[in-house]
Protein backbone atom coordinates (compact mmCIF):
# COMPACT_ATOMS: atom_id res chain seq x y z
CA MET A 1 11.18 -0.80 -31.09
CA PHE A 2 8.47 1.74 -31.76
CA ALA A 3 5.90 -0.39 -29.92
CA VAL A 4 8.08 -0.57 -26.83
CA SER A 5 8.76 3.17 -26.95
CA SER A 6 5.05 3.89 -27.32
CA THR A 7 4.23 1.57 -24.44
CA LEU A 8 6.88 3.20 -22.27
CA ARG A 9 5.43 6.65 -22.92
CA THR A 10 1.93 5.44 -22.06
CA LEU A 11 3.14 3.66 -18.94
CA ILE A 12 4.98 6.73 -17.66
CA SER A 13 2.10 9.08 -18.46
CA LYS A 14 -0.31 6.88 -16.48
CA THR A 15 2.09 6.10 -13.63
CA LEU A 16 3.79 9.45 -12.97
CA PRO A 17 0.70 11.27 -11.61
CA LEU A 18 -0.04 8.30 -9.34
CA CYS A 19 3.60 8.23 -8.29
CA ILE A 20 3.37 11.87 -7.24
CA GLY A 21 0.17 11.18 -5.31
CA LEU A 22 1.59 8.11 -3.57
CA PHE A 23 4.79 10.01 -2.83
CA ALA A 24 2.56 12.49 -1.04
CA ILE A 25 0.79 9.69 0.90
CA MET A 26 4.07 8.15 2.02
CA SER A 27 5.44 11.55 2.91
CA VAL A 28 2.47 11.99 5.25
CA GLN A 29 3.35 8.74 7.00
CA LEU A 30 7.05 9.54 7.14
CA VAL A 31 6.49 13.13 8.28
CA ASP A 32 4.14 11.89 10.99
CA SER A 33 6.78 9.41 12.16
CA VAL A 34 9.50 12.09 12.22
CA PHE A 35 7.41 14.56 14.21
CA ILE A 36 6.16 11.84 16.57
CA GLY A 37 9.76 10.69 17.00
CA LEU A 38 10.60 14.17 18.30
CA LEU A 39 8.13 13.53 21.13
CA GLY A 40 10.13 10.48 22.25
CA VAL A 41 10.77 6.77 21.66
CA ASN A 42 7.64 5.79 23.61
CA GLU A 43 5.40 7.87 21.34
CA LEU A 44 7.14 6.44 18.29
CA ALA A 45 6.63 2.90 19.64
CA ALA A 46 2.92 3.59 20.21
CA HIS A 47 2.71 4.89 16.65
CA GLY A 48 4.63 1.82 15.48
CA MET A 49 1.99 -0.51 16.89
CA THR A 50 -0.45 0.90 14.33
CA LEU A 51 1.75 -0.36 11.47
CA PRO A 52 0.15 -3.83 11.04
CA PHE A 53 -3.31 -2.26 11.09
CA GLN A 54 -2.28 0.40 8.62
CA THR A 55 -1.22 -2.43 6.32
CA LEU A 56 -4.51 -4.21 7.00
CA LEU A 57 -6.75 -1.21 6.30
CA ILE A 58 -4.78 -0.21 3.22
CA GLY A 59 -5.03 -3.82 2.09
CA ILE A 60 -8.82 -3.80 2.37
CA GLN A 61 -9.25 -0.53 0.47
CA VAL A 62 -6.72 -1.59 -2.18
CA GLY A 63 -8.44 -4.96 -2.51
CA ILE A 64 -11.79 -3.26 -3.10
CA GLY A 65 -10.24 -0.66 -5.39
CA VAL A 66 -8.22 -3.13 -7.48
CA GLY A 67 -11.18 -5.49 -7.92
CA ALA A 68 -13.60 -2.69 -8.79
CA THR A 69 -11.11 -0.99 -11.12
CA ALA A 70 -10.51 -4.25 -12.99
CA ILE A 71 -14.25 -4.71 -13.59
CA MET A 72 -14.86 -1.05 -14.46
CA SER A 73 -11.91 -0.79 -16.85
CA GLN A 74 -12.95 -3.95 -18.73
CA ALA A 75 -16.52 -2.63 -18.92
CA ILE A 76 -15.28 0.70 -20.26
CA GLY A 77 -13.07 -1.06 -22.83
CA ALA A 78 -16.06 -3.15 -23.93
CA LYS A 79 -18.33 -0.01 -24.05
CA LYS A 80 -20.56 -1.31 -21.24
CA HIS A 81 -21.01 2.06 -19.57
CA TYR A 82 -23.98 1.22 -17.33
CA LYS A 83 -22.01 -1.65 -15.82
CA ALA A 84 -19.05 0.64 -15.14
CA ARG A 85 -21.28 3.20 -13.40
CA ALA A 86 -23.11 0.57 -11.35
CA VAL A 87 -19.86 -1.03 -10.17
CA ALA A 88 -18.45 2.41 -9.30
CA THR A 89 -21.48 3.19 -7.13
CA LEU A 90 -21.50 -0.19 -5.43
CA SER A 91 -17.75 -0.27 -4.74
CA VAL A 92 -17.46 3.24 -3.29
CA ASN A 93 -20.56 3.13 -1.08
CA GLY A 94 -20.14 -0.46 0.01
CA GLY A 95 -16.41 0.00 0.58
CA ILE A 96 -16.85 3.05 2.80
CA VAL A 97 -19.51 1.37 4.93
CA PHE A 98 -17.40 -1.76 5.33
CA MET A 99 -14.29 0.22 6.26
CA ALA A 100 -16.20 2.30 8.82
CA LEU A 101 -17.64 -0.78 10.52
CA PHE A 102 -14.25 -2.45 10.58
CA CYS A 103 -12.63 0.60 12.17
CA LEU A 104 -15.32 0.62 14.85
CA LEU A 105 -14.54 -3.02 15.60
CA LEU A 106 -10.81 -2.30 15.91
CA TRP A 107 -11.55 0.60 18.26
CA GLN A 108 -13.25 -1.80 20.67
CA LEU A 109 -10.19 -4.07 20.66
CA ASP A 110 -7.67 -1.43 21.81
CA THR A 111 -6.67 -3.10 25.10
CA PHE A 112 -6.34 -6.52 23.47
CA ILE A 113 -4.10 -5.06 20.75
CA VAL A 114 -1.72 -3.53 23.30
CA ARG A 115 -1.38 -6.85 25.13
CA VAL A 116 -0.48 -8.62 21.89
CA PHE A 117 2.63 -6.48 21.43
CA ILE A 118 3.54 -5.69 25.05
CA SER A 119 3.48 -8.22 27.87
CA PRO A 120 1.36 -6.90 30.78
CA ASN A 121 3.51 -5.83 33.73
CA ILE A 122 1.61 -3.94 36.42
CA GLU A 123 4.83 -3.29 38.34
CA ASN A 124 6.42 -1.44 35.44
CA PRO A 125 5.28 2.21 35.05
CA HIS A 126 6.67 2.18 31.50
CA TYR A 127 4.00 -0.36 30.56
CA PHE A 128 1.18 1.92 31.73
CA LEU A 129 2.73 4.84 29.85
CA LEU A 130 2.70 2.91 26.57
CA VAL A 131 -0.84 1.65 27.17
CA ASN A 132 -2.18 5.15 27.85
CA LEU A 133 -0.37 6.59 24.83
CA PHE A 134 -1.75 3.93 22.50
CA ILE A 135 -5.34 3.93 23.77
CA THR A 136 -5.50 7.73 23.57
CA TYR A 137 -4.03 7.78 20.05
CA TRP A 138 -5.92 4.76 18.66
CA PRO A 139 -9.39 6.26 17.83
CA TYR A 140 -7.85 9.36 16.24
CA TRP A 141 -5.56 7.21 14.14
CA LEU A 142 -8.43 4.96 13.02
CA PHE A 143 -10.44 7.97 11.87
CA SER A 144 -7.46 9.24 9.86
CA ALA A 145 -7.10 5.78 8.28
CA LEU A 146 -10.79 5.86 7.33
CA SER A 147 -10.37 9.29 5.72
CA VAL A 148 -7.57 7.86 3.54
CA ALA A 149 -9.82 4.98 2.49
CA VAL A 150 -12.68 7.26 1.45
CA LEU A 151 -10.41 9.31 -0.81
CA TYR A 152 -8.75 6.21 -2.25
CA LEU A 153 -12.05 4.52 -3.13
CA LEU A 154 -13.37 7.65 -4.82
CA THR A 155 -10.22 8.14 -6.88
CA SER A 156 -10.22 4.48 -7.97
CA VAL A 157 -13.15 5.40 -10.22
CA TYR A 158 -11.00 8.11 -11.82
CA ARG A 159 -8.24 5.57 -12.44
CA ALA A 160 -10.67 3.16 -14.09
CA HIS A 161 -11.55 5.95 -16.54
CA GLY A 162 -7.87 6.57 -17.28
CA ASP A 163 -7.58 9.74 -15.17
CA THR A 164 -4.60 9.34 -12.86
CA LYS A 165 -3.81 13.06 -12.62
CA THR A 166 -6.71 13.82 -10.28
CA THR A 167 -5.63 11.06 -7.91
CA GLY A 168 -2.11 12.45 -7.79
CA ALA A 169 -3.27 16.02 -7.30
CA MET A 170 -5.62 15.14 -4.44
CA PHE A 171 -3.07 13.15 -2.47
CA VAL A 172 -0.50 15.90 -2.96
CA THR A 173 -3.03 18.39 -1.61
CA ALA A 174 -3.69 16.21 1.43
CA SER A 175 0.05 15.84 2.01
CA ILE A 176 0.69 19.58 1.93
CA ILE A 177 -2.14 20.24 4.37
CA ASN A 178 -0.80 17.54 6.69
CA LEU A 179 2.74 18.93 6.49
CA VAL A 180 1.51 22.37 7.54
CA LEU A 181 -0.81 21.16 10.30
CA ASP A 182 1.45 18.50 11.86
CA PRO A 183 3.84 20.81 13.75
CA LEU A 184 1.02 23.21 14.60
CA LEU A 185 -1.25 20.58 16.15
CA ILE A 186 1.47 18.41 17.70
CA PHE A 187 3.61 21.16 19.26
CA TYR A 188 1.97 24.60 19.09
CA PHE A 189 -1.48 23.44 20.25
CA ASP A 190 0.18 20.76 22.40
CA LEU A 191 -2.01 17.91 21.16
CA GLY A 192 0.96 15.55 21.08
CA ILE A 193 0.64 12.30 19.17
CA LYS A 194 -3.08 12.91 18.58
CA GLY A 195 -2.23 16.01 16.53
CA ALA A 196 -0.58 13.89 13.82
CA ALA A 197 -3.76 11.86 13.27
CA ILE A 198 -5.98 14.96 13.31
CA ALA A 199 -3.74 16.68 10.74
CA SER A 200 -3.99 13.66 8.43
CA SER A 201 -7.76 13.50 8.80
CA LEU A 202 -8.15 17.18 7.91
CA GLY A 203 -5.86 16.86 4.88
CA TYR A 204 -7.63 13.85 3.40
CA GLY A 205 -11.05 15.22 4.36
CA ILE A 206 -10.53 18.48 2.47
CA ALA A 207 -9.29 16.59 -0.61
CA THR A 208 -12.31 14.28 -0.45
CA ILE A 209 -14.73 17.21 -0.38
CA TYR A 210 -13.14 18.59 -3.55
CA VAL A 211 -13.40 15.20 -5.30
CA LEU A 212 -17.10 14.94 -4.42
CA PHE A 213 -17.78 18.25 -6.14
CA ASP A 214 -15.53 17.43 -9.09
CA VAL A 215 -17.00 13.99 -9.83
CA LYS A 216 -20.66 15.03 -9.78
CA PRO A 217 -20.92 16.42 -13.36
CA LYS A 218 -19.00 13.45 -14.81
CA GLN A 219 -21.95 11.08 -14.28
CA TRP A 220 -19.72 8.15 -13.32
CA PHE A 221 -22.18 7.12 -10.59
CA ILE A 222 -25.85 6.23 -10.76
CA GLY A 223 -28.84 5.79 -8.52
CA LEU A 224 -29.00 2.02 -8.24
CA GLN A 225 -32.14 0.31 -9.41
CA ARG A 226 -33.48 -3.09 -8.48
CA HIS A 227 -33.10 -5.12 -11.61
CA ILE A 228 -31.20 -8.21 -12.65
CA GLY A 229 -28.28 -6.26 -14.14
CA THR A 230 -27.44 -4.42 -10.92
CA ILE A 231 -27.73 -7.60 -8.85
CA LYS A 232 -25.48 -9.45 -11.29
CA TYR A 233 -22.85 -6.71 -11.20
CA GLY A 234 -23.00 -6.63 -7.42
CA ILE A 235 -22.38 -10.39 -7.22
CA GLU A 236 -19.51 -10.10 -9.69
CA LEU A 237 -18.00 -7.26 -7.65
CA LEU A 238 -18.35 -9.26 -4.45
CA ASN A 239 -16.68 -12.32 -5.97
CA VAL A 240 -13.76 -10.37 -7.40
CA THR A 241 -13.16 -8.11 -4.41
CA SER A 242 -13.44 -10.95 -1.90
CA ALA A 243 -10.52 -12.61 -3.69
CA THR A 244 -8.47 -9.40 -3.97
CA ILE A 245 -9.18 -8.44 -0.34
CA THR A 246 -8.12 -11.90 0.80
CA ASN A 247 -4.95 -11.37 -1.22
CA GLN A 248 -4.39 -8.02 0.50
CA PHE A 249 -4.98 -9.52 3.95
CA LEU A 250 -1.75 -11.47 3.65
CA PRO A 251 0.57 -8.42 3.90
CA ALA A 252 -1.40 -7.26 6.95
CA ALA A 253 -1.14 -10.66 8.62
CA SER A 254 2.58 -10.86 7.87
CA ALA A 255 3.14 -7.32 9.20
CA PHE A 256 1.32 -8.31 12.39
CA VAL A 257 3.42 -11.45 12.85
CA ALA A 258 6.63 -9.59 11.97
CA MET A 259 5.91 -6.90 14.54
CA MET A 260 5.26 -9.56 17.19
CA LEU A 261 8.66 -11.09 16.40
CA ILE A 262 10.39 -7.71 16.42
CA ALA A 263 8.70 -6.77 19.71
CA LYS A 264 10.70 -9.52 21.42
CA LEU A 265 13.80 -7.37 20.87
CA GLY A 266 12.37 -4.46 22.89
CA THR A 267 10.67 -1.07 22.58
CA ASP A 268 13.58 0.40 20.57
CA ALA A 269 13.20 -2.42 18.06
CA ILE A 270 9.49 -1.64 17.60
CA ALA A 271 10.30 2.03 17.02
CA PHE A 272 13.06 1.12 14.53
CA TRP A 273 10.93 -1.35 12.57
CA SER A 274 8.16 1.24 12.34
CA LEU A 275 10.56 3.82 10.91
CA LEU A 276 12.11 1.29 8.52
CA ALA A 277 8.69 0.19 7.25
CA ARG A 278 7.73 3.77 6.48
CA ILE A 279 11.04 4.48 4.75
CA GLU A 280 10.55 1.29 2.74
CA SER A 281 7.03 2.34 1.77
CA PHE A 282 8.43 5.71 0.75
CA SER A 283 11.05 3.94 -1.40
CA LEU A 284 8.42 1.73 -3.04
CA VAL A 285 6.25 4.63 -4.19
CA PHE A 286 7.03 4.05 -7.87
CA THR A 287 6.29 0.34 -7.48
CA LEU A 288 2.96 1.06 -5.78
CA ALA A 289 2.09 3.51 -8.55
CA LEU A 290 2.72 0.78 -11.12
CA THR A 291 0.46 -1.64 -9.23
CA MET A 292 -2.31 0.97 -9.51
CA SER A 293 -1.73 2.12 -13.11
CA ILE A 294 -1.19 -1.27 -14.75
CA PRO A 295 -4.47 -3.10 -13.85
CA PRO A 296 -6.78 -0.58 -15.62
CA MET A 297 -4.54 -0.69 -18.71
CA ILE A 298 -4.57 -4.50 -18.76
CA GLY A 299 -8.32 -4.49 -18.14
CA GLN A 300 -8.97 -2.23 -21.10
CA TYR A 301 -6.63 -4.26 -23.30
CA LEU A 302 -8.48 -7.43 -22.30
CA GLY A 303 -11.87 -5.82 -22.93
CA ALA A 304 -10.74 -4.69 -26.38
CA ARG A 305 -8.92 -8.03 -26.99
CA GLN A 306 -5.60 -6.27 -27.63
CA TYR A 307 -3.46 -9.07 -26.26
CA HIS A 308 -0.29 -7.93 -27.99
CA ALA A 309 -0.38 -4.72 -25.94
CA ILE A 310 -0.21 -6.74 -22.69
CA ASP A 311 3.05 -8.31 -23.89
CA ASN A 312 4.67 -4.91 -24.48
CA LEU A 313 3.31 -3.48 -21.24
CA LEU A 314 4.69 -6.23 -18.98
CA THR A 315 8.12 -6.32 -20.60
CA THR A 316 8.49 -2.54 -20.44
CA THR A 317 7.27 -2.43 -16.84
CA ALA A 318 9.82 -5.00 -15.63
CA LYS A 319 12.75 -3.17 -17.29
CA LEU A 320 11.63 0.23 -16.03
CA LEU A 321 11.05 -0.97 -12.46
CA LEU A 322 14.35 -2.82 -12.07
CA GLY A 323 16.31 0.08 -13.53
CA PHE A 324 14.61 2.64 -11.31
CA THR A 325 15.07 0.67 -8.09
CA ALA A 326 18.75 0.00 -8.86
CA VAL A 327 19.40 3.74 -9.08
CA LEU A 328 17.34 4.30 -5.93
CA ALA A 329 19.38 1.74 -3.97
CA VAL A 330 22.60 3.59 -4.79
CA LEU A 331 21.10 6.95 -3.83
CA LEU A 332 19.77 5.67 -0.50
CA ALA A 333 23.12 4.16 0.45
CA LEU A 334 25.08 7.29 -0.46
CA SER A 335 22.66 9.65 1.29
CA ALA A 336 22.26 7.62 4.50
CA ASP A 337 24.53 9.87 6.58
CA LEU A 338 22.62 12.97 5.44
CA MET A 339 19.17 11.49 6.05
CA LEU A 340 19.62 9.95 9.49
CA PRO A 341 19.91 13.19 11.54
CA LEU A 342 16.63 14.33 9.98
CA ILE A 343 14.82 11.11 10.90
CA THR A 344 15.99 10.27 14.42
CA GLN A 345 18.43 11.43 17.06
CA ASP A 346 18.51 8.11 18.93
CA PRO A 347 21.94 6.42 18.59
CA SER A 348 20.70 2.83 18.43
CA LEU A 349 17.97 3.67 15.92
CA SER A 350 20.48 5.59 13.78
CA ALA A 351 22.91 2.66 13.72
CA TRP A 352 20.23 0.17 12.71
CA LEU A 353 18.79 2.51 10.06
CA LYS A 354 22.20 3.14 8.53
CA ALA A 355 22.78 -0.60 8.14
CA ALA A 356 19.29 -1.06 6.70
CA LEU A 357 19.72 1.74 4.13
CA TRP A 358 22.92 0.13 2.88
CA ILE A 359 21.55 -3.42 2.69
CA MET A 360 17.78 -3.63 2.11
CA PRO A 361 17.36 -1.33 -0.94
CA ILE A 362 19.18 -3.81 -3.17
CA SER A 363 16.15 -6.07 -2.77
CA TYR A 364 13.53 -3.40 -3.58
CA GLY A 365 13.66 -4.20 -7.30
CA PRO A 366 12.74 -7.88 -6.92
CA LEU A 367 10.29 -7.02 -4.14
CA GLY A 368 8.62 -4.42 -6.36
CA LEU A 369 8.50 -6.87 -9.26
CA CYS A 370 6.70 -9.38 -7.03
CA MET A 371 4.15 -6.72 -6.01
CA VAL A 372 3.56 -5.76 -9.66
CA VAL A 373 3.14 -9.41 -10.66
CA VAL A 374 0.42 -9.81 -8.01
CA SER A 375 -1.48 -6.82 -9.42
CA VAL A 376 -1.07 -8.22 -12.94
CA PHE A 377 -2.56 -11.57 -11.94
CA ASN A 378 -5.55 -9.78 -10.40
CA ALA A 379 -6.04 -7.75 -13.58
CA LEU A 380 -5.83 -10.91 -15.69
CA GLY A 381 -8.64 -12.44 -13.66
CA ALA A 382 -6.43 -14.85 -11.75
CA PRO A 383 -6.77 -13.76 -8.10
CA LYS A 384 -6.01 -17.26 -6.81
CA THR A 385 -2.64 -17.25 -8.55
CA ALA A 386 -2.01 -13.78 -7.13
CA LEU A 387 -2.82 -15.19 -3.71
CA ILE A 388 -0.28 -17.99 -4.17
CA VAL A 389 2.46 -15.52 -5.10
CA SER A 390 1.66 -13.27 -2.13
CA PHE A 391 1.52 -16.19 0.28
CA ALA A 392 4.87 -17.49 -0.94
CA ARG A 393 6.52 -14.09 -0.58
CA LEU A 394 5.20 -13.37 2.88
CA PHE A 395 4.80 -16.67 4.71
CA ILE A 396 7.23 -19.02 2.99
CA LEU A 397 10.05 -16.47 2.59
CA TYR A 398 9.63 -13.21 4.56
CA ILE A 399 8.22 -14.30 7.94
CA PRO A 400 10.59 -17.27 8.33
CA ALA A 401 13.47 -14.92 7.46
CA VAL A 402 12.42 -12.41 10.14
CA ALA A 403 11.93 -15.25 12.63
CA ILE A 404 15.43 -16.56 11.98
CA GLY A 405 16.89 -13.08 12.29
CA THR A 406 15.13 -12.20 15.55
CA ALA A 407 15.98 -15.63 16.99
CA THR A 408 19.64 -14.60 16.89
CA GLY A 409 18.80 -11.49 18.93
CA ASP A 410 20.61 -9.32 16.36
CA MET A 411 18.76 -6.72 14.29
CA LEU A 412 21.45 -6.77 11.58
CA ASN A 413 20.84 -10.46 10.99
CA THR A 414 17.13 -9.74 10.71
CA ILE A 415 17.76 -7.06 8.07
CA ILE A 416 20.00 -9.38 6.02
CA ALA A 417 17.51 -12.26 6.22
CA ALA A 418 14.61 -10.03 5.10
CA THR A 419 16.72 -8.80 2.17
CA PHE A 420 17.37 -12.34 0.91
CA ALA A 421 13.65 -13.13 1.25
CA ASN A 422 12.77 -10.18 -1.01
CA LEU A 423 15.31 -11.25 -3.64
CA LEU A 424 13.90 -14.77 -3.75
CA ALA A 425 10.30 -13.52 -3.85
CA GLY A 426 10.88 -11.40 -6.95
CA THR A 427 12.57 -14.25 -8.80
CA PHE A 428 9.77 -16.67 -7.97
CA ALA A 429 7.01 -14.22 -8.94
CA TRP A 430 8.49 -13.39 -12.35
CA PHE A 431 8.89 -17.03 -13.38
CA LYS A 432 5.37 -17.76 -12.11
CA LEU A 433 4.01 -14.99 -14.35
CA LYS A 434 5.92 -16.26 -17.38
CA ASP A 435 4.55 -19.77 -16.88
CA TYR A 436 1.01 -18.44 -16.51
CA LEU A 437 1.20 -16.35 -19.68
CA LYS A 438 2.53 -19.26 -21.71
CA SER A 439 -0.09 -21.71 -20.49
CA THR A 440 -3.16 -19.46 -20.34
CA LEU A 441 -2.92 -16.67 -22.92
CA ASP A 442 -0.85 -18.40 -25.58
CA HIS A 443 -3.98 -19.55 -27.38
CA ALA A 444 -5.26 -15.98 -27.59
CA GLN A 445 -2.14 -14.33 -29.00
CA PRO A 446 1.14 -16.10 -29.74
CA CYS A 447 3.29 -13.12 -28.78
CA ILE A 448 2.14 -13.37 -25.17
CA ALA A 449 4.28 -16.46 -24.77
CA ASN A 450 7.38 -14.40 -25.52
CA THR A 451 7.01 -12.29 -22.36
């Protein structure tokens, strides 16, 4: 009992600061959507078309961060400090360069992206309005996404060293700056939809500058030297992050396919799905915080060969997550009527959102458990198994469910189908983790098999 209580205290102390920081990140996205929604449904639809790419870019930075954090935390636990510093330097610099080049590539594909979601119709002035809105907004949004990535990659080094408070504080700072600047830039300075992206860029940019000054005296980075150790660590980082990035590509691909399916139901449907996705991300803040706090803890336990601690950590995490999301589901359902007027004034969007807030949150516990299991597999050095779990959740369960729902032409059916897919995904992921622990780690510590 004492071990579980001790584990719970450690888990909360590591997760809560990240939860606050992620809450701030999601509030930026939700606040942007609310303010953009005040401009009109067309602006909200243009913003909604960025959703799959937001998932993609976040997936890349998370893939790099998770892989690097796993290596760094194990190195720190094993007292290999040079390795930890080398991996930190390689992951941050290499990650930023890669993200910048990828954003430049996406910028050049703006017209193609619009045509994927909206069928060209030169006789419809509404088509040209959406195209102009998106193409004008696109480069500003990409730069804001890059600014998020830079801050995330820098703070991943803090998390590897067990410091989650700085991450939380920096994302809260960025959120507050964005909240203040959003209405000023969008409405007062009449920048429209571009103002939301500029506000986000300024918020994350200011936080990043602070982190750069704060991290310098800590000596967590080094000037890389050409010797066999650095090359070996770079290859290890590349192997691990390529697997974790591939894993993170799956949510982006599924978001892209889901948005294509939803787009068949019209512009209002795109706007609704964009709002729902951001509300869902907001609701999964605690889950996302767990996926960030657990891998460094598992990595350090593995490095120190404290296998019994992994058993306590996973059991406590599952109980805490399912309990938290159950309470959240009740709160979302009961507060739906109060929340909707603050989010949108459109009647059709309000009706769909009310139904979604009553139905989908019951699946956030199993969905969150599936997401945590994926991060656990990555931390345990099993990225291929993590990939299998993600693929099953997204392409065997979620996308077919959305396809069935949209085929009926009814958004309510789509919501119900997606909910069932989440419930099945969580069940599958948990049993997959139990089987893995029994077959792989049982020889190291018998108690692992009892998870």
